[in-house]
Amino acid sequence: MSALQRILYVEDEPDIQAVATLALEMVGGFTVKVCSSGEEALSEVVPFAPQMILLDVMMPALDGPGTLRALRGLPGLGDVPVAFMTAKVQPQEVAHYKSLGALDVIAKPFDPMTLASQVRRIWETHHA
């Protein structure tokens, strides 16, 4: 298993984007490509070639689940692990997101000091 380095992060809220990006880059040491919409993610994902994708669920226009469906249709992206980031973390909601193909769900609000280790744990579980 190669080490996780490149993360595509899709989030429409600038404040959350900033905190998560800092947490992933400074604490986690990851290279993060931030997209502000599902549409932007679809245009940036292939050239960036992420090893993992973090998707906000609630976004205008193309939401997280819709973005995931579209990403899965792109060449070479069928196996890239995806985790949703959302405040909707009731057990039935989490089960629904996993049924869509997400590996896991990271609860919002997240702790910036532990976000990188949460992401790394999901990555390692996927590769176990």
Foldseek 3Di string as FASTA:
>chain_A
DDAFAEEEEEAQDVVLVVLQVCLCCVQVVHHYHYDNDLVRCLVPCPVRVHLAYEAEADDPPQGRLNSLVVQCPDPPRVPRAYEYEEQPVDPVVQVVVVVSPHQGYHYPPHDSNCPSVVVSVSVVVSVD
